[in-house]
Amino acid sequence: MKLPITIHEARLGATEFKVIRPARPLVHAVLIDHDRHLDTYLDQEAAQRIGGLWKLAASSPRSLVHLPIRGNRGPSRELPEDGTRQLDLVLLHHSLQFAPSHWKEVRGRLGPGHPRTVTLPGPGHTDEAVADHEARHYRENRDLFHQHLRAETLFMTGSAKLFRDTARHFFDVARNGPGYVPVHPSYPHFCTELHSNDGVLGNAREMHIEYCDQWDS
């Protein structure tokens, strides 16, 4: 798949950071913080593109992949409740050892960026690693997501293998959500999850990922 992105740079002291953003806004995508869990609502295009960005995070260990979505309007049937908030999302490789406390300053120093199109293997590509779900639960497993919250942004930190293995959740929503909802009018709910029982979450909350076809304008 071809994914249009913008590459931004920001310098903080002696360190330069590279931040990758989608070239076009992810209009129909929201991430809602419910304290004990996270809800993500996406249309087909946003799910497909976020799956690509998830894969890009796997192959870009020296970059932060930033999804600026916290200002988006939510689905018309899923308005945020009192006590919840919408968040941006940053995907990053654990080896980068980026301190989320620096994010607000880095974000404020980003330049206009340089457009680029990257080519990524599509969902189901034969070179894609096959997840070993039993191995996920071994004590020595280090392929776990860790989350931090800073400056209205959720940081998902993990390994390249972990990002590759879990991108399928978004492609699944993009592929199956549009066909499922119209033929199940009594329960038009197609979703998947990054679940605590999957063995992919370390210091991280569960993330519910749901397809939505009706959005506030």
Protein backbone atom coordinates (compact mmCIF):
# COMPACT_ATOMS: atom_id res chain seq x y z
CA MET A 1 0.00 0.00 0.00
CA LYS A 2 1.11 3.57 -0.68
CA LEU A 3 0.92 5.92 2.28
CA PRO A 4 1.36 9.70 1.87
CA ILE A 5 3.12 11.18 4.90
CA THR A 6 4.85 14.36 6.01
CA ILE A 7 8.22 14.23 7.76
CA HIS A 8 8.93 16.97 10.31
CA GLU A 9 12.05 17.77 12.31
CA ALA A 10 12.50 19.51 15.63
CA ARG A 11 15.65 20.19 17.61
CA LEU A 12 15.71 20.08 21.40
CA GLY A 13 19.13 21.01 22.71
CA ALA A 14 21.67 18.85 20.89
CA THR A 15 19.09 16.27 19.85
CA GLU A 16 17.06 16.32 16.65
CA PHE A 17 13.79 14.46 16.51
CA LYS A 18 11.99 13.20 13.43
CA VAL A 19 8.19 13.17 13.55
CA ILE A 20 6.06 11.45 10.90
CA ARG A 21 2.47 12.54 10.35
CA PRO A 22 -0.18 11.50 7.82
CA ALA A 23 -0.12 13.90 4.86
CA ARG A 24 -3.89 14.40 5.02
CA PRO A 25 -5.90 14.78 8.24
CA LEU A 26 -7.49 11.65 9.66
CA VAL A 27 -10.88 13.34 9.84
CA HIS A 28 -12.97 10.34 10.90
CA ALA A 29 -10.80 9.04 13.71
CA VAL A 30 -11.10 9.67 17.44
CA LEU A 31 -9.36 8.24 20.49
CA ILE A 32 -11.29 8.65 23.74
CA ASP A 33 -9.80 8.20 27.21
CA HIS A 34 -12.29 6.48 29.51
CA ASP A 35 -9.82 6.23 32.40
CA ARG A 36 -9.85 2.44 32.69
CA HIS A 37 -9.85 1.76 28.95
CA LEU A 38 -9.48 3.50 25.58
CA ASP A 39 -12.03 3.68 22.77
CA THR A 40 -11.01 4.26 19.14
CA TYR A 41 -13.68 5.00 16.51
CA LEU A 42 -12.75 4.92 12.82
CA ASP A 43 -14.29 4.94 9.37
CA GLN A 44 -12.92 2.67 6.66
CA GLU A 45 -10.35 5.10 5.29
CA ALA A 46 -9.01 6.06 8.71
CA ALA A 47 -8.72 2.40 9.77
CA GLN A 48 -6.80 1.54 6.59
CA ARG A 49 -4.43 4.49 6.94
CA ILE A 50 -3.82 3.92 10.66
CA GLY A 51 -3.02 0.28 9.89
CA GLY A 52 -0.39 1.62 7.49
CA LEU A 53 0.96 4.05 10.08
CA TRP A 54 1.13 1.19 12.61
CA LYS A 55 3.29 -0.73 10.11
CA LEU A 56 5.36 2.36 9.46
CA ALA A 57 6.11 2.60 13.18
CA ALA A 58 7.53 -0.93 12.96
CA SER A 59 9.96 0.06 10.20
CA SER A 60 10.86 3.54 11.57
CA PRO A 61 12.53 2.92 14.94
CA ARG A 62 14.19 6.35 15.00
CA SER A 63 10.98 8.33 14.44
CA LEU A 64 7.84 9.27 16.32
CA VAL A 65 4.64 8.60 14.34
CA HIS A 66 2.13 11.27 15.35
CA LEU A 67 -1.63 11.07 14.68
CA PRO A 68 -3.07 14.53 15.48
CA ILE A 69 -6.72 13.55 16.01
CA ARG A 70 -7.77 14.99 19.37
CA GLY A 71 -9.66 17.92 17.80
CA ASN A 72 -11.84 15.72 15.57
CA ARG A 73 -15.60 15.47 15.87
CA GLY A 74 -16.72 12.07 17.06
CA PRO A 75 -19.29 9.65 15.63
CA SER A 76 -22.82 10.98 15.94
CA ARG A 77 -23.87 8.06 18.12
CA GLU A 78 -20.81 8.03 20.37
CA LEU A 79 -20.50 11.46 21.96
CA PRO A 80 -17.81 11.71 24.65
CA GLU A 81 -19.21 11.39 28.16
CA ASP A 82 -18.46 13.62 31.11
CA GLY A 83 -15.07 12.80 32.55
CA THR A 84 -13.66 11.60 29.22
CA ARG A 85 -11.29 13.38 26.86
CA GLN A 86 -10.06 12.97 23.32
CA LEU A 87 -6.39 12.32 22.71
CA ASP A 88 -3.75 12.46 20.03
CA LEU A 89 -1.70 9.30 19.46
CA VAL A 90 2.06 8.80 19.11
CA LEU A 91 3.58 5.46 18.09
CA LEU A 92 7.25 4.88 18.85
CA HIS A 93 9.82 2.13 19.10
CA HIS A 94 11.08 1.41 22.62
CA SER A 95 14.73 1.75 21.53
CA LEU A 96 14.19 5.46 20.84
CA GLN A 97 13.90 5.99 24.62
CA PHE A 98 11.96 9.19 24.08
CA ALA A 99 10.73 10.93 27.25
CA PRO A 100 7.03 11.88 26.83
CA SER A 101 7.66 14.86 29.12
CA HIS A 102 9.53 16.45 26.16
CA TRP A 103 6.65 16.01 23.73
CA LYS A 104 4.90 19.35 24.21
CA GLU A 105 8.13 21.22 23.49
CA VAL A 106 9.03 19.02 20.52
CA ARG A 107 5.52 19.39 19.08
CA GLY A 108 5.73 23.16 19.37
CA ARG A 109 9.01 23.26 17.41
CA LEU A 110 7.99 21.17 14.43
CA GLY A 111 8.59 22.75 11.04
CA PRO A 112 6.21 22.60 8.06
CA GLY A 113 7.52 19.20 7.05
CA HIS A 114 8.45 17.51 3.79
CA PRO A 115 5.88 15.43 1.86
CA ARG A 116 6.75 11.88 0.95
CA THR A 117 4.97 8.70 -0.10
CA VAL A 118 6.11 5.41 1.40
CA THR A 119 5.26 1.95 0.07
CA LEU A 120 4.35 -0.65 2.67
CA PRO A 121 3.39 -4.32 2.41
CA GLY A 122 -0.39 -4.62 2.34
CA PRO A 123 -2.40 -6.55 4.94
CA GLY A 124 -1.84 -10.26 4.72
CA HIS A 125 1.45 -9.90 2.85
CA THR A 126 3.40 -13.16 2.98
CA ASP A 127 6.50 -11.48 4.43
CA GLU A 128 4.52 -10.34 7.44
CA ALA A 129 5.52 -12.02 10.69
CA VAL A 130 3.03 -14.52 12.09
CA ALA A 131 2.11 -13.78 15.69
CA ASP A 132 2.87 -16.59 18.16
CA HIS A 133 0.00 -16.05 20.56
CA GLU A 134 1.19 -18.66 23.08
CA ALA A 135 4.63 -17.08 23.26
CA ARG A 136 2.96 -13.77 24.09
CA HIS A 137 2.21 -15.09 27.56
CA TYR A 138 5.72 -16.27 28.43
CA ARG A 139 7.26 -14.36 31.31
CA GLU A 140 10.37 -13.56 29.25
CA ASN A 141 8.32 -11.99 26.45
CA ARG A 142 9.38 -8.38 25.91
CA ASP A 143 7.08 -7.60 22.98
CA LEU A 144 4.62 -5.63 25.08
CA PHE A 145 3.02 -2.23 24.60
CA HIS A 146 3.57 0.39 27.27
CA GLN A 147 1.52 3.57 27.43
CA HIS A 148 2.18 7.05 28.76
CA LEU A 149 -0.11 10.04 28.76
CA ARG A 150 1.30 13.52 28.31
CA ALA A 151 0.11 16.80 26.76
CA GLU A 152 -3.26 15.34 25.69
CA THR A 153 -1.38 12.58 23.84
CA LEU A 154 -1.28 8.82 24.31
CA PHE A 155 2.16 7.29 23.68
CA MET A 156 2.15 3.66 22.51
CA THR A 157 5.68 2.30 22.91
CA GLY A 158 6.54 -1.15 21.59
CA SER A 159 8.84 -3.28 19.45
CA ALA A 160 8.89 -3.53 15.66
CA LYS A 161 7.47 -7.06 15.85
CA LEU A 162 4.65 -5.90 18.10
CA PHE A 163 3.59 -3.09 15.76
CA ARG A 164 3.71 -5.47 12.77
CA ASP A 165 1.65 -8.11 14.56
CA THR A 166 -1.07 -5.75 15.79
CA ALA A 167 -1.58 -3.62 12.66
CA ARG A 168 -4.01 -6.33 11.54
CA HIS A 169 -6.65 -5.01 13.97
CA PHE A 170 -7.03 -1.82 11.94
CA PHE A 171 -6.99 -3.61 8.59
CA ASP A 172 -9.65 -5.97 9.93
CA VAL A 173 -11.91 -3.01 10.77
CA ALA A 174 -11.30 -1.44 7.35
CA ARG A 175 -11.98 -4.69 5.49
CA ASN A 176 -14.97 -6.04 7.41
CA GLY A 177 -16.65 -3.08 9.11
CA PRO A 178 -18.37 -1.52 6.05
CA GLY A 179 -19.98 -4.80 5.01
CA TYR A 180 -21.01 -5.85 8.51
CA VAL A 181 -22.87 -2.76 9.70
CA PRO A 182 -25.56 -2.53 6.95
CA VAL A 183 -26.63 -6.16 7.31
CA HIS A 184 -26.84 -6.08 11.12
CA PRO A 185 -29.19 -3.12 11.75
CA SER A 186 -30.20 -4.38 15.18
CA TYR A 187 -26.56 -4.45 16.31
CA PRO A 188 -24.41 -2.42 13.89
CA HIS A 189 -21.26 -2.91 15.93
CA PHE A 190 -18.06 -4.21 14.32
CA CYS A 191 -15.01 -3.99 16.54
CA THR A 192 -11.77 -5.56 17.66
CA GLU A 193 -9.53 -4.96 20.66
CA LEU A 194 -6.02 -4.81 21.98
CA HIS A 195 -7.06 -6.95 24.93
CA SER A 196 -5.30 -7.78 28.18
CA ASN A 197 -5.68 -11.50 27.41
CA ASP A 198 -3.79 -11.16 24.12
CA GLY A 199 -0.40 -10.92 25.80
CA VAL A 200 0.48 -7.67 24.01
CA LEU A 201 -0.13 -5.21 26.86
CA GLY A 202 2.44 -4.45 29.52
CA ASN A 203 1.88 -1.22 31.42
CA ALA A 204 -1.01 -0.37 29.11
CA ARG A 205 -4.80 -0.21 29.06
CA GLU A 206 -7.05 -2.13 26.72
CA MET A 207 -7.97 -0.39 23.47
CA HIS A 208 -11.35 -0.98 21.85
CA ILE A 209 -11.30 -0.30 18.06
CA GLU A 210 -14.70 0.16 16.41
CA TYR A 211 -15.90 0.88 12.88
CA CYS A 212 -18.33 3.80 12.53
CA ASP A 213 -20.05 5.00 9.36
CA GLN A 214 -22.00 7.99 10.73
CA TRP A 215 -20.09 11.04 11.86
CA ASP A 216 -20.94 14.55 12.98
CA SER A 217 -20.17 17.04 10.22
